[in-house]
C-alpha atoms as a PDB file:
ATOM      1  CA  UNK A   1     166.080 113.484  83.948  1.00  0.00           C
ATOM      2  CA  UNK A   2     165.575 117.174  84.770  1.00  0.00           C
ATOM      3  CA  UNK A   3     161.851 116.577  85.416  1.00  0.00           C
ATOM      4  CA  UNK A   4     162.652 113.651  87.706  1.00  0.00           C
ATOM      5  CA  UNK A   5     165.053 115.842  89.714  1.00  0.00           C
ATOM      6  CA  UNK A   6     162.401 118.551  89.989  1.00  0.00           C
ATOM      7  CA  UNK A   7     159.795 116.087  91.250  1.00  0.00           C
ATOM      8  CA  UNK A   8     162.189 114.513  93.757  1.00  0.00           C
ATOM      9  CA  UNK A   9     163.298 117.896  95.103  1.00  0.00           C
ATOM     10  CA  UNK A  10     159.702 119.084  95.377  1.00  0.00           C
ATOM     11  CA  UNK A  11     158.709 115.898  97.212  1.00  0.00           C
ATOM     12  CA  UNK A  12     161.431 116.174  99.838  1.00  0.00           C
ATOM     13  CA  UNK A  13     160.868 119.883 100.452  1.00  0.00           C
ATOM     14  CA  UNK A  14     157.128 119.224 100.764  1.00  0.00           C
ATOM     15  CA  UNK A  15     157.665 116.963 103.762  1.00  0.00           C
ATOM     16  CA  UNK A  16     158.089 120.010 105.983  1.00  0.00           C
ATOM     17  CA  UNK A  17     154.928 121.819 107.050  1.00  0.00           C
ATOM     18  CA  UNK A  18     156.861 124.962 107.977  1.00  0.00           C
ATOM     19  CA  UNK A  19     155.144 128.095 106.655  1.00  0.00           C
ATOM     20  CA  UNK A  20     156.869 130.477 104.249  1.00  0.00           C
ATOM     21  CA  UNK A  21     159.111 133.060 105.894  1.00  0.00           C
ATOM     22  CA  UNK A  22     157.729 136.497 106.746  1.00  0.00           C
ATOM     23  CA  UNK A  23     159.970 137.961 104.032  1.00  0.00           C
ATOM     24  CA  UNK A  24     158.523 135.525 101.477  1.00  0.00           C
ATOM     25  CA  UNK A  25     154.966 136.272 102.573  1.00  0.00           C
ATOM     26  CA  UNK A  26     155.630 140.019 102.188  1.00  0.00           C
ATOM     27  CA  UNK A  27     157.045 139.513  98.676  1.00  0.00           C
ATOM     28  CA  UNK A  28     153.993 137.488  97.669  1.00  0.00           C
ATOM     29  CA  UNK A  29     151.630 140.123  99.107  1.00  0.00           C
ATOM     30  CA  UNK A  30     153.258 142.740  96.862  1.00  0.00           C
ATOM     31  CA  UNK A  31     152.201 140.761  93.783  1.00  0.00           C
ATOM     32  CA  UNK A  32     148.676 139.582  94.608  1.00  0.00           C
ATOM     33  CA  UNK A  33     145.340 141.367  94.715  1.00  0.00           C
ATOM     34  CA  UNK A  34     143.223 140.763  97.847  1.00  0.00           C
ATOM     35  CA  UNK A  35     141.141 137.959  96.276  1.00  0.00           C
ATOM     36  CA  UNK A  36     144.265 136.279  94.916  1.00  0.00           C
ATOM     37  CA  UNK A  37     145.924 136.615  98.314  1.00  0.00           C
ATOM     38  CA  UNK A  38     142.911 134.949  99.949  1.00  0.00           C
ATOM     39  CA  UNK A  39     143.314 131.954  97.622  1.00  0.00           C
ATOM     40  CA  UNK A  40     147.070 131.804  98.215  1.00  0.00           C
ATOM     41  CA  UNK A  41     146.499 131.923 101.984  1.00  0.00           C
ATOM     42  CA  UNK A  42     144.246 128.845 101.734  1.00  0.00           C
ATOM     43  CA  UNK A  43     146.982 126.776 100.091  1.00  0.00           C
ATOM     44  CA  UNK A  44     149.053 124.419 102.233  1.00  0.00           C
ATOM     45  CA  UNK A  45     152.324 125.684 103.650  1.00  0.00           C
ATOM     46  CA  UNK A  46     154.158 123.328 101.311  1.00  0.00           C
ATOM     47  CA  UNK A  47     152.340 124.636  98.249  1.00  0.00           C
ATOM     48  CA  UNK A  48     152.758 128.256  99.343  1.00  0.00           C
ATOM     49  CA  UNK A  49     156.527 127.780  99.746  1.00  0.00           C
ATOM     50  CA  UNK A  50     156.697 126.076  96.351  1.00  0.00           C
ATOM     51  CA  UNK A  51     154.580 128.702  94.604  1.00  0.00           C
ATOM     52  CA  UNK A  52     156.662 131.538  96.073  1.00  0.00           C
ATOM     53  CA  UNK A  53     159.799 129.839  94.782  1.00  0.00           C
ATOM     54  CA  UNK A  54     158.240 129.514  91.326  1.00  0.00           C
ATOM     55  CA  UNK A  55     156.989 133.106  91.414  1.00  0.00           C
ATOM     56  CA  UNK A  56     160.405 134.460  92.373  1.00  0.00           C
ATOM     57  CA  UNK A  57     162.151 132.399  89.702  1.00  0.00           C
ATOM     58  CA  UNK A  58     159.684 133.655  87.127  1.00  0.00           C
ATOM     59  CA  UNK A  59     160.101 137.288  88.200  1.00  0.00           C
ATOM     60  CA  UNK A  60     163.892 136.898  88.110  1.00  0.00           C
ATOM     61  CA  UNK A  61     163.820 135.365  84.635  1.00  0.00           C
ATOM     62  CA  UNK A  62     161.532 138.129  83.344  1.00  0.00           C
ATOM     63  CA  UNK A  63     161.999 141.303  85.407  1.00  0.00           C
ATOM     64  CA  UNK A  64     159.551 143.145  83.143  1.00  0.00           C
ATOM     65  CA  UNK A  65     156.757 140.608  83.734  1.00  0.00           C
ATOM     66  CA  UNK A  66     153.413 142.162  84.628  1.00  0.00           C
ATOM     67  CA  UNK A  67     151.870 141.766  88.061  1.00  0.00           C
ATOM     68  CA  UNK A  68     149.263 139.488  86.505  1.00  0.00           C
ATOM     69  CA  UNK A  69     151.890 137.116  85.125  1.00  0.00           C
ATOM     70  CA  UNK A  70     153.708 136.920  88.456  1.00  0.00           C
ATOM     71  CA  UNK A  71     150.351 136.300  90.160  1.00  0.00           C
ATOM     72  CA  UNK A  72     149.726 133.464  87.702  1.00  0.00           C
ATOM     73  CA  UNK A  73     153.043 131.894  88.636  1.00  0.00           C
ATOM     74  CA  UNK A  74     152.209 132.258  92.321  1.00  0.00           C
ATOM     75  CA  UNK A  75     148.781 130.665  91.872  1.00  0.00           C
ATOM     76  CA  UNK A  76     149.721 127.892  89.429  1.00  0.00           C
ATOM     77  CA  UNK A  77     148.769 125.152  91.935  1.00  0.00           C
ATOM     78  CA  UNK A  78     145.639 126.802  93.350  1.00  0.00           C
ATOM     79  CA  UNK A  79     143.463 124.115  91.744  1.00  0.00           C
ATOM     80  CA  UNK A  80     144.689 121.712  94.408  1.00  0.00           C
ATOM     81  CA  UNK A  81     142.312 123.469  96.806  1.00  0.00           C
ATOM     82  CA  UNK A  82     139.338 121.988  94.979  1.00  0.00           C
ATOM     83  CA  UNK A  83     140.655 118.608  93.886  1.00  0.00           C
ATOM     84  CA  UNK A  84     142.405 117.723  97.148  1.00  0.00           C
ATOM     85  CA  UNK A  85     145.768 116.824  95.655  1.00  0.00           C
ATOM     86  CA  UNK A  86     148.549 116.701  98.196  1.00  0.00           C
ATOM     87  CA  UNK A  87     152.147 115.582  98.492  1.00  0.00           C
ATOM     88  CA  UNK A  88     151.456 111.941  97.659  1.00  0.00           C
ATOM     89  CA  UNK A  89     149.006 112.505  94.790  1.00  0.00           C
END
């Protein structure tokens, strides 16, 4: 049931194409190297908002997490750039 809630919440928040806030973008930039940032910037607004949420949750759950681990959380959906998966796939 928890997974179903997660998928439903992600679907409805993905309907907005609003970009992440400037504050969110700044937080992300603190955790990504330039090449990683370039990949993150190519992601859709929906995926960037989602990945920032995941990255922040991860960093909150493990405040001692390395920059690399936080970057991994932020880039967990980057494969969508190549396979073309979107909101309805």
